[in-house]
Amino acid sequence: MPSPATAPARPAYRPYCAVVTDAVRLSPSFVRVTFGCAEFEHFGTSGLDQRIKLILPGPDGTISDIGQRDEAAITEGGWYQIWRDIPTERRSPLRTYTVRRIDPVARRLVIDFVVHPGAGPAGAWAEAAAPGAELVIVGPDQRSEGSALGIDWHPGPARRVLLAGDETAVPAIGSILESLGPEYDVDVLLEVPTSADAIPIDAAEGVRLRWLPRDGAEHGAPLVAAMGQWCARSAELLARAAAPRPQELADVDVDVELLWDSPEGSDGEFYAWMAGEAATVKTLRRMLVTANGVDRKRVAFMGYWRAGVSERQE
C-alpha cells in the first residue's frame, strides 16, 4: 500500500451513490432532502456555497453509469467525460445544487430543493423523494487538495458583507450564514415566492436578515427595490468601498452568456455576494458597481438561472 506521500492525487470531485433517508417539506417552495452514503465520511467539509452535481434518474427511472461504483474510475476522475459520452437520449439529467449541510461522521448530506409547478427534473424528483430513493451526487473529496473547488465565497479580509438573492440562492446563503462567526457584520436580502417561504436559518446573532416575499409581484422586483433602499442607507460604506479608478462593466447578454464572476483577492472592509435569476443579478451588480462605484473586485455575482429558460443541463 503506498504511503500518503506517494499515494496518487485524488480528483477534487467524485461521484457518491446516495440514498434518501428523509424528505421534509419546509414550506410551499422548499423541500429538504437528507441523503446517506457510507463514503460521505470522505465528503468535503468546506461548507459555504459549495456546488455539487446531481445525476438524476431518467424517464425510465434508471441512473447513468458514470463509474460511481468503480473505484478505479472514481480515482481517475473521469466521471464527467463518461457522462458526456453517453448518447443524449440515454443520458441522465445533470443539475447543479448547493450543499446545505454535511455531517461526515453521521455520513449524512442535506440538500434544499426549490419546488414549484412545472418544475424541471430536479424539482420534480425532490417533490416525489422518499426514503430509499437513489441518486448519484458528484461532490468534493476531502482527501483531495482541491476539495474546496466550487466555492464562490471569497470575502478576503472583509467583515462587512451583503448577501442577496432569490429562492434559488436561499440554500447557499443559509449555508454561508451558518458558517460565519460573530466577527462578521451581515446584511441579507432574500426574495422568496410567498411569506410562508421564510424558512429558519441558524445565523449568528446580529445578522440583519430581510425576507422579501413576492406574493404575486414580478420576479426580482422586491429584491431590486430592497437593494435600492439598502444602498441609500449605506452610502458611506459604499463610498469607502469605491474603486480607486474609473471602471466599466461589460454588457453581458444573459440570454447567451454565463453571468458568473467570483473574484478572489479582494481587500477592504466590504464584500457582496449575489445570486439568483440572471437578469436580476445583473441589475443588482450595476446598482453597486455602476451607480455607487463599488470596486467590482468586491462583488461576486452568479446567475443561477434565466427567466423563461428551463433548468440548464451541463
C-alpha atoms as a PDB file:
ATOM      1  CA  MET A   1       0.000   0.000   0.000  1.00  0.00           C
ATOM      2  CA  PRO A   2       1.528   3.374  -0.971  1.00  0.00           C
ATOM      3  CA  SER A   3       2.358   5.802   1.794  1.00  0.00           C
ATOM      4  CA  PRO A   4       0.439   9.136   1.935  1.00  0.00           C
ATOM      5  CA  ALA A   5       3.499  10.828   0.448  1.00  0.00           C
ATOM      6  CA  THR A   6       3.492   8.581  -2.621  1.00  0.00           C
ATOM      7  CA  ALA A   7      -0.254   7.904  -2.989  1.00  0.00           C
ATOM      8  CA  PRO A   8      -1.708   9.198  -6.276  1.00  0.00           C
ATOM      9  CA  ALA A   9      -3.510  12.531  -6.135  1.00  0.00           C
ATOM     10  CA  ARG A  10      -7.270  12.163  -5.851  1.00  0.00           C
ATOM     11  CA  PRO A  11      -9.643  14.186  -8.036  1.00  0.00           C
ATOM     12  CA  ALA A  12     -11.290  17.178  -6.373  1.00  0.00           C
ATOM     13  CA  TYR A  13     -14.774  15.844  -7.142  1.00  0.00           C
ATOM     14  CA  ARG A  14     -16.063  12.292  -7.306  1.00  0.00           C
ATOM     15  CA  PRO A  15     -19.460  10.543  -7.593  1.00  0.00           C
ATOM     16  CA  TYR A  16     -21.199   9.177  -4.497  1.00  0.00           C
ATOM     17  CA  CYS A  17     -24.047   6.631  -4.590  1.00  0.00           C
ATOM     18  CA  ALA A  18     -26.572   8.281  -2.252  1.00  0.00           C
ATOM     19  CA  VAL A  19     -29.859   7.063  -0.791  1.00  0.00           C
ATOM     20  CA  VAL A  20     -32.625   9.290   0.584  1.00  0.00           C
ATOM     21  CA  THR A  21     -33.028   8.858   4.334  1.00  0.00           C
ATOM     22  CA  ASP A  22     -35.535  11.686   4.878  1.00  0.00           C
ATOM     23  CA  ALA A  23     -37.521  14.249   2.898  1.00  0.00           C
ATOM     24  CA  VAL A  24     -39.349  17.127   4.573  1.00  0.00           C
ATOM     25  CA  ARG A  25     -41.492  19.900   3.084  1.00  0.00           C
ATOM     26  CA  LEU A  26     -40.133  23.036   4.754  1.00  0.00           C
ATOM     27  CA  SER A  27     -42.519  25.468   3.095  1.00  0.00           C
ATOM     28  CA  PRO A  28     -44.609  25.807  -0.082  1.00  0.00           C
ATOM     29  CA  SER A  29     -41.415  26.297  -2.123  1.00  0.00           C
ATOM     30  CA  PHE A  30     -38.728  24.280  -0.300  1.00  0.00           C
ATOM     31  CA  VAL A  31     -38.146  20.570   0.226  1.00  0.00           C
ATOM     32  CA  ARG A  32     -35.227  19.414   2.373  1.00  0.00           C
ATOM     33  CA  VAL A  33     -33.811  16.025   1.402  1.00  0.00           C
ATOM     34  CA  THR A  34     -31.285  14.151   3.533  1.00  0.00           C
ATOM     35  CA  PHE A  35     -29.046  11.566   1.891  1.00  0.00           C
ATOM     36  CA  GLY A  36     -26.951   8.781   3.318  1.00  0.00           C
ATOM     37  CA  CYS A  37     -23.846   7.144   1.867  1.00  0.00           C
ATOM     38  CA  ALA A  38     -21.105   5.178   3.606  1.00  0.00           C
ATOM     39  CA  GLU A  39     -18.483   7.120   1.659  1.00  0.00           C
ATOM     40  CA  PHE A  40     -19.786  10.503   2.835  1.00  0.00           C
ATOM     41  CA  GLU A  41     -17.156  10.107   5.551  1.00  0.00           C
ATOM     42  CA  HIS A  42     -14.778  11.461   2.869  1.00  0.00           C
ATOM     43  CA  PHE A  43     -17.100  14.247   1.614  1.00  0.00           C
ATOM     44  CA  GLY A  44     -15.549  17.737   1.622  1.00  0.00           C
ATOM     45  CA  THR A  45     -16.477  19.917   4.570  1.00  0.00           C
ATOM     46  CA  SER A  46     -15.597  23.393   3.308  1.00  0.00           C
ATOM     47  CA  GLY A  47     -19.280  24.384   3.510  1.00  0.00           C
ATOM     48  CA  LEU A  48     -20.205  27.923   2.413  1.00  0.00           C
ATOM     49  CA  ASP A  49     -21.693  27.886  -1.119  1.00  0.00           C
ATOM     50  CA  GLN A  50     -20.101  24.573  -2.182  1.00  0.00           C
ATOM     51  CA  ARG A  51     -21.538  23.483  -5.538  1.00  0.00           C
ATOM     52  CA  ILE A  52     -22.282  19.857  -6.319  1.00  0.00           C
ATOM     53  CA  LYS A  53     -23.770  17.962  -9.270  1.00  0.00           C
ATOM     54  CA  LEU A  54     -26.794  15.687  -9.142  1.00  0.00           C
ATOM     55  CA  ILE A  55     -27.142  12.833 -11.613  1.00  0.00           C
ATOM     56  CA  LEU A  56     -30.906  12.322 -11.726  1.00  0.00           C
ATOM     57  CA  PRO A  57     -32.919   9.288 -12.830  1.00  0.00           C
ATOM     58  CA  GLY A  58     -34.027   9.367 -16.452  1.00  0.00           C
ATOM     59  CA  PRO A  59     -37.657   8.938 -17.575  1.00  0.00           C
ATOM     60  CA  ASP A  60     -37.320   5.168 -17.168  1.00  0.00           C
ATOM     61  CA  GLY A  61     -36.069   5.568 -13.584  1.00  0.00           C
ATOM     62  CA  THR A  62     -32.509   4.474 -14.275  1.00  0.00           C
ATOM     63  CA  ILE A  63     -29.357   6.465 -13.497  1.00  0.00           C
ATOM     64  CA  SER A  64     -26.488   6.552 -15.970  1.00  0.00           C
ATOM     65  CA  ASP A  65     -23.367   4.608 -15.060  1.00  0.00           C
ATOM     66  CA  ILE A  66     -20.604   7.220 -14.745  1.00  0.00           C
ATOM     67  CA  GLY A  67     -18.292   4.922 -12.829  1.00  0.00           C
ATOM     68  CA  GLN A  68     -19.925   5.632  -9.480  1.00  0.00           C
ATOM     69  CA  ARG A  69     -19.324   2.066  -8.286  1.00  0.00           C
ATOM     70  CA  ASP A  70     -15.888   1.625  -9.865  1.00  0.00           C
ATOM     71  CA  GLU A  71     -13.072   2.703  -7.531  1.00  0.00           C
ATOM     72  CA  ALA A  72     -10.591   2.854 -10.414  1.00  0.00           C
ATOM     73  CA  ALA A  73     -12.889   5.158 -12.403  1.00  0.00           C
ATOM     74  CA  ILE A  74     -13.500   7.294  -9.318  1.00  0.00           C
ATOM     75  CA  THR A  75      -9.767   7.672  -8.720  1.00  0.00           C
ATOM     76  CA  GLU A  76      -9.171   8.596 -12.356  1.00  0.00           C
ATOM     77  CA  GLY A  77     -11.751  11.388 -12.091  1.00  0.00           C
ATOM     78  CA  GLY A  78     -13.315  10.788 -15.500  1.00  0.00           C
ATOM     79  CA  TRP A  79     -16.974  10.837 -14.459  1.00  0.00           C
ATOM     80  CA  TYR A  80     -17.868  13.935 -16.488  1.00  0.00           C
ATOM     81  CA  GLN A  81     -16.401  12.667 -19.742  1.00  0.00           C
ATOM     82  CA  ILE A  82     -18.144   9.332 -19.211  1.00  0.00           C
ATOM     83  CA  TRP A  83     -21.414  11.212 -18.756  1.00  0.00           C
ATOM     84  CA  ARG A  84     -20.789  13.322 -21.863  1.00  0.00           C
ATOM     85  CA  ASP A  85     -20.057  10.215 -23.949  1.00  0.00           C
ATOM     86  CA  ILE A  86     -23.429   8.637 -23.162  1.00  0.00           C
ATOM     87  CA  PRO A  87     -25.897   9.185 -26.038  1.00  0.00           C
ATOM     88  CA  THR A  88     -28.184  12.102 -25.273  1.00  0.00           C
ATOM     89  CA  GLU A  89     -31.334  10.021 -25.342  1.00  0.00           C
ATOM     90  CA  ARG A  90     -29.936   7.698 -22.656  1.00  0.00           C
ATOM     91  CA  ARG A  91     -28.004  10.226 -20.574  1.00  0.00           C
ATOM     92  CA  SER A  92     -29.335  11.027 -17.105  1.00  0.00           C
ATOM     93  CA  PRO A  93     -30.091  14.701 -16.441  1.00  0.00           C
ATOM     94  CA  LEU A  94     -27.339  16.559 -14.587  1.00  0.00           C
ATOM     95  CA  ARG A  95     -28.068  19.608 -12.436  1.00  0.00           C
ATOM     96  CA  THR A  96     -26.082  21.892 -10.141  1.00  0.00           C
ATOM     97  CA  TYR A  97     -27.065  22.385  -6.488  1.00  0.00           C
ATOM     98  CA  THR A  98     -25.528  23.586  -3.231  1.00  0.00           C
ATOM     99  CA  VAL A  99     -24.632  21.611  -0.133  1.00  0.00           C
ATOM    100  CA  ARG A 100     -26.914  22.769   2.672  1.00  0.00           C
ATOM    101  CA  ARG A 101     -25.235  20.717   5.362  1.00  0.00           C
ATOM    102  CA  ILE A 102     -22.762  17.821   5.557  1.00  0.00           C
ATOM    103  CA  ASP A 103     -22.030  15.570   8.529  1.00  0.00           C
ATOM    104  CA  PRO A 104     -19.193  13.176   7.614  1.00  0.00           C
ATOM    105  CA  VAL A 105     -19.370  11.433  10.992  1.00  0.00           C
ATOM    106  CA  ALA A 106     -23.063  10.592  10.581  1.00  0.00           C
ATOM    107  CA  ARG A 107     -22.486  10.205   6.830  1.00  0.00           C
ATOM    108  CA  ARG A 108     -25.433  12.439   6.035  1.00  0.00           C
ATOM    109  CA  LEU A 109     -25.748  15.176   3.391  1.00  0.00           C
ATOM    110  CA  VAL A 110     -28.596  17.703   3.228  1.00  0.00           C
ATOM    111  CA  ILE A 111     -29.782  19.499   0.094  1.00  0.00           C
ATOM    112  CA  ASP A 112     -32.625  22.045  -0.058  1.00  0.00           C
ATOM    113  CA  PHE A 113     -34.609  21.971  -3.292  1.00  0.00           C
ATOM    114  CA  VAL A 114     -36.808  24.732  -4.702  1.00  0.00           C
ATOM    115  CA  VAL A 115     -40.088  23.249  -5.941  1.00  0.00           C
ATOM    116  CA  HIS A 116     -42.863  24.838  -7.951  1.00  0.00           C
ATOM    117  CA  PRO A 117     -45.484  23.905 -10.550  1.00  0.00           C
ATOM    118  CA  GLY A 118     -43.850  22.858 -13.807  1.00  0.00           C
ATOM    119  CA  ALA A 119     -40.503  22.227 -12.138  1.00  0.00           C
ATOM    120  CA  GLY A 120     -37.707  20.608 -14.127  1.00  0.00           C
ATOM    121  CA  PRO A 121     -36.231  17.164 -13.452  1.00  0.00           C
ATOM    122  CA  ALA A 122     -34.587  18.089 -10.143  1.00  0.00           C
ATOM    123  CA  GLY A 123     -37.585  19.853  -8.638  1.00  0.00           C
ATOM    124  CA  ALA A 124     -39.949  17.126  -9.798  1.00  0.00           C
ATOM    125  CA  TRP A 125     -37.656  14.477  -8.335  1.00  0.00           C
ATOM    126  CA  ALA A 126     -37.492  16.299  -4.989  1.00  0.00           C
ATOM    127  CA  GLU A 127     -41.291  16.611  -4.815  1.00  0.00           C
ATOM    128  CA  ALA A 128     -41.572  12.834  -5.031  1.00  0.00           C
ATOM    129  CA  ALA A 129     -38.471  11.966  -2.975  1.00  0.00           C
ATOM    130  CA  ALA A 130     -39.000   9.352  -0.284  1.00  0.00           C
ATOM    131  CA  PRO A 131     -36.700   7.220   1.876  1.00  0.00           C
ATOM    132  CA  GLY A 132     -34.950   4.620  -0.227  1.00  0.00           C
ATOM    133  CA  ALA A 133     -34.819   6.682  -3.425  1.00  0.00           C
ATOM    134  CA  GLU A 134     -31.382   6.675  -5.054  1.00  0.00           C
ATOM    135  CA  LEU A 135     -29.342   9.451  -6.604  1.00  0.00           C
ATOM    136  CA  VAL A 136     -25.746   9.980  -7.671  1.00  0.00           C
ATOM    137  CA  ILE A 137     -24.180  13.075  -6.133  1.00  0.00           C
ATOM    138  CA  VAL A 138     -20.902  14.376  -7.523  1.00  0.00           C
ATOM    139  CA  GLY A 139     -19.178  16.301  -4.761  1.00  0.00           C
ATOM    140  CA  PRO A 140     -15.827  17.158  -3.181  1.00  0.00           C
ATOM    141  CA  ASP A 141     -13.440  14.567  -1.773  1.00  0.00           C
ATOM    142  CA  GLN A 142     -11.929  15.813   1.468  1.00  0.00           C
ATOM    143  CA  ARG A 143      -8.807  13.742   0.756  1.00  0.00           C
ATOM    144  CA  SER A 144      -8.074  15.876  -2.324  1.00  0.00           C
ATOM    145  CA  GLU A 145      -6.096  19.109  -2.197  1.00  0.00           C
ATOM    146  CA  GLY A 146      -8.756  20.602  -4.463  1.00  0.00           C
ATOM    147  CA  SER A 147     -11.758  19.726  -2.303  1.00  0.00           C
ATOM    148  CA  ALA A 148     -12.732  23.418  -1.943  1.00  0.00           C
ATOM    149  CA  LEU A 149     -13.354  23.648  -5.688  1.00  0.00           C
ATOM    150  CA  GLY A 150     -16.832  25.017  -6.403  1.00  0.00           C
ATOM    151  CA  ILE A 151     -16.880  27.705  -3.708  1.00  0.00           C
ATOM    152  CA  ASP A 152     -17.549  31.280  -4.842  1.00  0.00           C
ATOM    153  CA  TRP A 153     -17.483  32.958  -1.420  1.00  0.00           C
ATOM    154  CA  HIS A 154     -14.166  34.855  -1.306  1.00  0.00           C
ATOM    155  CA  PRO A 155     -14.549  37.820   1.072  1.00  0.00           C
ATOM    156  CA  GLY A 156     -10.862  38.167   1.856  1.00  0.00           C
ATOM    157  CA  PRO A 157     -10.379  40.371   4.911  1.00  0.00           C
ATOM    158  CA  ALA A 158     -13.839  41.958   4.583  1.00  0.00           C
ATOM    159  CA  ARG A 159     -16.091  41.629   7.601  1.00  0.00           C
ATOM    160  CA  ARG A 160     -18.885  43.944   6.454  1.00  0.00           C
ATOM    161  CA  VAL A 161     -20.810  41.821   3.974  1.00  0.00           C
ATOM    162  CA  LEU A 162     -24.015  41.816   1.948  1.00  0.00           C
ATOM    163  CA  LEU A 163     -25.716  38.686   0.667  1.00  0.00           C
ATOM    164  CA  ALA A 164     -28.637  38.941  -1.741  1.00  0.00           C
ATOM    165  CA  GLY A 165     -30.598  36.509  -3.862  1.00  0.00           C
ATOM    166  CA  ASP A 166     -33.868  34.862  -4.749  1.00  0.00           C
ATOM    167  CA  GLU A 167     -35.190  31.483  -3.618  1.00  0.00           C
ATOM    168  CA  THR A 168     -32.584  29.592  -5.655  1.00  0.00           C
ATOM    169  CA  ALA A 169     -29.871  31.271  -3.580  1.00  0.00           C
ATOM    170  CA  VAL A 170     -31.512  30.574  -0.203  1.00  0.00           C
ATOM    171  CA  PRO A 171     -29.704  27.217   0.328  1.00  0.00           C
ATOM    172  CA  ALA A 172     -26.282  28.703  -0.442  1.00  0.00           C
ATOM    173  CA  ILE A 173     -26.893  31.813   1.638  1.00  0.00           C
ATOM    174  CA  GLY A 174     -28.205  29.690   4.506  1.00  0.00           C
ATOM    175  CA  SER A 175     -25.046  27.584   4.425  1.00  0.00           C
ATOM    176  CA  ILE A 176     -22.813  30.679   4.248  1.00  0.00           C
ATOM    177  CA  LEU A 177     -24.583  32.312   7.183  1.00  0.00           C
ATOM    178  CA  GLU A 178     -24.261  29.204   9.320  1.00  0.00           C
ATOM    179  CA  SER A 179     -20.519  29.123   8.538  1.00  0.00           C
ATOM    180  CA  LEU A 180     -19.833  32.729   9.595  1.00  0.00           C
ATOM    181  CA  GLY A 181     -18.650  33.746  13.025  1.00  0.00           C
ATOM    182  CA  PRO A 182     -19.809  36.728  15.090  1.00  0.00           C
ATOM    183  CA  GLU A 183     -16.963  38.872  13.743  1.00  0.00           C
ATOM    184  CA  TYR A 184     -18.974  39.428  10.546  1.00  0.00           C
ATOM    185  CA  ASP A 185     -21.403  42.339  10.193  1.00  0.00           C
ATOM    186  CA  VAL A 186     -24.007  40.978   7.787  1.00  0.00           C
ATOM    187  CA  ASP A 187     -26.994  42.231   5.800  1.00  0.00           C
ATOM    188  CA  VAL A 188     -29.089  39.674   3.905  1.00  0.00           C
ATOM    189  CA  LEU A 189     -31.808  40.298   1.307  1.00  0.00           C
ATOM    190  CA  LEU A 190     -33.759  37.181   0.298  1.00  0.00           C
ATOM    191  CA  GLU A 191     -36.608  37.223  -2.173  1.00  0.00           C
ATOM    192  CA  VAL A 192     -38.964  34.235  -1.969  1.00  0.00           C
ATOM    193  CA  PRO A 193     -42.283  33.356  -3.631  1.00  0.00           C
ATOM    194  CA  THR A 194     -44.507  33.732  -0.535  1.00  0.00           C
ATOM    195  CA  SER A 195     -44.394  34.865   3.078  1.00  0.00           C
ATOM    196  CA  ALA A 196     -44.588  31.218   4.130  1.00  0.00           C
ATOM    197  CA  ASP A 197     -41.194  30.565   2.491  1.00  0.00           C
ATOM    198  CA  ALA A 198     -39.221  32.403   5.193  1.00  0.00           C
ATOM    199  CA  ILE A 199     -37.603  29.190   6.434  1.00  0.00           C
ATOM    200  CA  PRO A 200     -35.418  29.018   9.567  1.00  0.00           C
ATOM    201  CA  ILE A 201     -31.715  29.805   9.181  1.00  0.00           C
ATOM    202  CA  ASP A 202     -29.387  29.391  12.134  1.00  0.00           C
ATOM    203  CA  ALA A 203     -27.491  32.641  11.660  1.00  0.00           C
ATOM    204  CA  ALA A 204     -25.313  34.393  14.211  1.00  0.00           C
ATOM    205  CA  GLU A 205     -26.962  36.910  16.478  1.00  0.00           C
ATOM    206  CA  GLY A 206     -26.961  40.345  14.904  1.00  0.00           C
ATOM    207  CA  VAL A 207     -27.340  39.208  11.279  1.00  0.00           C
ATOM    208  CA  ARG A 208     -29.880  41.501   9.632  1.00  0.00           C
ATOM    209  CA  LEU A 209     -31.928  39.093   7.524  1.00  0.00           C
ATOM    210  CA  ARG A 210     -34.771  40.543   5.490  1.00  0.00           C
ATOM    211  CA  TRP A 211     -37.209  38.216   3.737  1.00  0.00           C
ATOM    212  CA  LEU A 212     -38.847  39.692   0.636  1.00  0.00           C
ATOM    213  CA  PRO A 213     -41.956  37.720  -0.376  1.00  0.00           C
ATOM    214  CA  ARG A 214     -43.182  38.353  -3.916  1.00  0.00           C
ATOM    215  CA  ASP A 215     -46.744  37.277  -3.153  1.00  0.00           C
ATOM    216  CA  GLY A 216     -47.643  37.734  -6.817  1.00  0.00           C
ATOM    217  CA  ALA A 217     -45.245  40.574  -7.674  1.00  0.00           C
ATOM    218  CA  GLU A 218     -42.912  40.324 -10.658  1.00  0.00           C
ATOM    219  CA  HIS A 219     -39.872  38.161 -10.035  1.00  0.00           C
ATOM    220  CA  GLY A 220     -36.948  40.320  -8.963  1.00  0.00           C
ATOM    221  CA  ALA A 221     -38.978  43.432  -8.183  1.00  0.00           C
ATOM    222  CA  PRO A 222     -38.885  43.134  -4.366  1.00  0.00           C
ATOM    223  CA  LEU A 223     -35.171  42.338  -4.396  1.00  0.00           C
ATOM    224  CA  VAL A 224     -34.249  45.268  -6.651  1.00  0.00           C
ATOM    225  CA  ALA A 225     -36.362  47.646  -4.544  1.00  0.00           C
ATOM    226  CA  ALA A 226     -34.774  46.402  -1.315  1.00  0.00           C
ATOM    227  CA  MET A 227     -31.296  46.760  -2.801  1.00  0.00           C
ATOM    228  CA  GLY A 228     -32.048  50.356  -3.704  1.00  0.00           C
ATOM    229  CA  GLN A 229     -33.136  51.061  -0.140  1.00  0.00           C
ATOM    230  CA  TRP A 230     -30.064  49.332   1.279  1.00  0.00           C
ATOM    231  CA  CYS A 231     -27.717  51.326  -0.979  1.00  0.00           C
ATOM    232  CA  ALA A 232     -29.327  54.585   0.098  1.00  0.00           C
ATOM    233  CA  ARG A 233     -28.849  53.696   3.764  1.00  0.00           C
ATOM    234  CA  SER A 234     -25.285  52.506   3.195  1.00  0.00           C
ATOM    235  CA  ALA A 235     -23.896  55.394   1.167  1.00  0.00           C
ATOM    236  CA  GLU A 236     -20.907  55.974   3.459  1.00  0.00           C
ATOM    237  CA  LEU A 237     -19.935  52.302   3.442  1.00  0.00           C
ATOM    238  CA  LEU A 238     -20.207  52.101  -0.351  1.00  0.00           C
ATOM    239  CA  ALA A 239     -18.122  55.249  -0.740  1.00  0.00           C
ATOM    240  CA  ARG A 240     -15.335  53.599   1.254  1.00  0.00           C
ATOM    241  CA  ALA A 241     -15.642  50.527  -0.999  1.00  0.00           C
ATOM    242  CA  ALA A 242     -15.278  52.550  -4.206  1.00  0.00           C
ATOM    243  CA  ALA A 243     -12.789  51.529  -6.881  1.00  0.00           C
ATOM    244  CA  PRO A 244      -9.543  53.524  -6.951  1.00  0.00           C
ATOM    245  CA  ARG A 245     -10.085  54.394 -10.610  1.00  0.00           C
ATOM    246  CA  PRO A 246     -12.997  54.502 -13.106  1.00  0.00           C
ATOM    247  CA  GLN A 247     -14.261  51.076 -14.111  1.00  0.00           C
ATOM    248  CA  GLU A 248     -16.508  49.762 -16.846  1.00  0.00           C
ATOM    249  CA  LEU A 249     -18.737  46.718 -16.832  1.00  0.00           C
ATOM    250  CA  ALA A 250     -19.107  44.586 -19.935  1.00  0.00           C
ATOM    251  CA  ASP A 251     -22.715  44.481 -21.077  1.00  0.00           C
ATOM    252  CA  VAL A 252     -23.296  40.764 -20.577  1.00  0.00           C
ATOM    253  CA  ASP A 253     -26.179  39.365 -22.616  1.00  0.00           C
ATOM    254  CA  VAL A 254     -27.701  36.975 -20.087  1.00  0.00           C
ATOM    255  CA  ASP A 255     -29.602  35.197 -22.874  1.00  0.00           C
ATOM    256  CA  VAL A 256     -26.406  33.905 -24.468  1.00  0.00           C
ATOM    257  CA  GLU A 257     -23.590  34.337 -21.916  1.00  0.00           C
ATOM    258  CA  LEU A 258     -22.995  32.885 -18.475  1.00  0.00           C
ATOM    259  CA  LEU A 259     -23.350  35.579 -15.814  1.00  0.00           C
ATOM    260  CA  TRP A 260     -20.820  34.425 -13.242  1.00  0.00           C
ATOM    261  CA  ASP A 261     -17.882  36.087 -11.529  1.00  0.00           C
ATOM    262  CA  SER A 262     -16.462  35.387  -8.078  1.00  0.00           C
ATOM    263  CA  PRO A 263     -13.246  37.417  -7.838  1.00  0.00           C
ATOM    264  CA  GLU A 264     -10.572  36.365  -5.381  1.00  0.00           C
ATOM    265  CA  GLY A 265      -8.031  38.555  -3.703  1.00  0.00           C
ATOM    266  CA  SER A 266     -10.388  41.407  -2.834  1.00  0.00           C
ATOM    267  CA  ASP A 267      -9.389  43.706   0.000  1.00  0.00           C
ATOM    268  CA  GLY A 268     -11.053  46.299   2.179  1.00  0.00           C
ATOM    269  CA  GLU A 269     -13.910  46.084   4.660  1.00  0.00           C
ATOM    270  CA  PHE A 270     -16.848  45.368   2.288  1.00  0.00           C
ATOM    271  CA  TYR A 271     -17.819  42.352   0.200  1.00  0.00           C
ATOM    272  CA  ALA A 272     -21.055  41.474  -1.637  1.00  0.00           C
ATOM    273  CA  TRP A 273     -22.275  38.041  -2.777  1.00  0.00           C
ATOM    274  CA  MET A 274     -25.359  37.883  -5.030  1.00  0.00           C
ATOM    275  CA  ALA A 275     -27.040  35.015  -6.852  1.00  0.00           C
ATOM    276  CA  GLY A 276     -30.335  34.099  -8.489  1.00  0.00           C
ATOM    277  CA  GLU A 277     -32.115  34.909 -11.729  1.00  0.00           C
ATOM    278  CA  ALA A 278     -29.511  36.262 -14.166  1.00  0.00           C
ATOM    279  CA  ALA A 279     -31.179  39.494 -15.285  1.00  0.00           C
ATOM    280  CA  THR A 280     -31.992  40.462 -11.697  1.00  0.00           C
ATOM    281  CA  VAL A 281     -28.454  39.693 -10.521  1.00  0.00           C
ATOM    282  CA  LYS A 282     -27.080  41.793 -13.382  1.00  0.00           C
ATOM    283  CA  THR A 283     -29.252  44.708 -12.206  1.00  0.00           C
ATOM    284  CA  LEU A 284     -28.086  44.310  -8.595  1.00  0.00           C
ATOM    285  CA  ARG A 285     -24.456  44.329  -9.663  1.00  0.00           C
ATOM    286  CA  ARG A 286     -24.909  47.530 -11.661  1.00  0.00           C
ATOM    287  CA  MET A 287     -26.584  49.157  -8.661  1.00  0.00           C
ATOM    288  CA  LEU A 288     -23.445  48.530  -6.623  1.00  0.00           C
ATOM    289  CA  VAL A 289     -20.688  48.933  -9.205  1.00  0.00           C
ATOM    290  CA  THR A 290     -22.047  51.439 -11.745  1.00  0.00           C
ATOM    291  CA  ALA A 291     -24.415  53.505  -9.607  1.00  0.00           C
ATOM    292  CA  ASN A 292     -22.350  53.518  -6.419  1.00  0.00           C
ATOM    293  CA  GLY A 293     -18.816  52.960  -7.686  1.00  0.00           C
ATOM    294  CA  VAL A 294     -18.093  49.845  -5.608  1.00  0.00           C
ATOM    295  CA  ASP A 295     -14.911  48.118  -6.712  1.00  0.00           C
ATOM    296  CA  ARG A 296     -16.067  45.164  -8.798  1.00  0.00           C
ATOM    297  CA  LYS A 297     -13.358  43.019  -7.179  1.00  0.00           C
ATOM    298  CA  ARG A 298     -15.510  43.165  -4.057  1.00  0.00           C
ATOM    299  CA  VAL A 299     -18.658  41.840  -5.743  1.00  0.00           C
ATOM    300  CA  ALA A 300     -19.366  38.185  -6.508  1.00  0.00           C
ATOM    301  CA  PHE A 301     -22.402  37.546  -8.691  1.00  0.00           C
ATOM    302  CA  MET A 302     -23.821  34.303 -10.054  1.00  0.00           C
ATOM    303  CA  GLY A 303     -26.687  33.872 -12.491  1.00  0.00           C
ATOM    304  CA  TYR A 304     -28.129  30.574 -11.281  1.00  0.00           C
ATOM    305  CA  TRP A 305     -30.950  30.560 -13.832  1.00  0.00           C
ATOM    306  CA  ARG A 306     -32.662  32.654 -16.513  1.00  0.00           C
ATOM    307  CA  ALA A 307     -36.324  33.628 -16.607  1.00  0.00           C
ATOM    308  CA  GLY A 308     -38.194  31.753 -19.295  1.00  0.00           C
ATOM    309  CA  VAL A 309     -35.473  29.127 -19.687  1.00  0.00           C
ATOM    310  CA  SER A 310     -35.682  25.629 -18.241  1.00  0.00           C
ATOM    311  CA  GLU A 311     -33.008  24.240 -15.944  1.00  0.00           C
ATOM    312  CA  ARG A 312     -29.674  24.185 -17.731  1.00  0.00           C
ATOM    313  CA  GLN A 313     -28.181  20.781 -18.484  1.00  0.00           C
ATOM    314  CA  GLU A 314     -24.390  20.820 -18.492  1.00  0.00           C
END
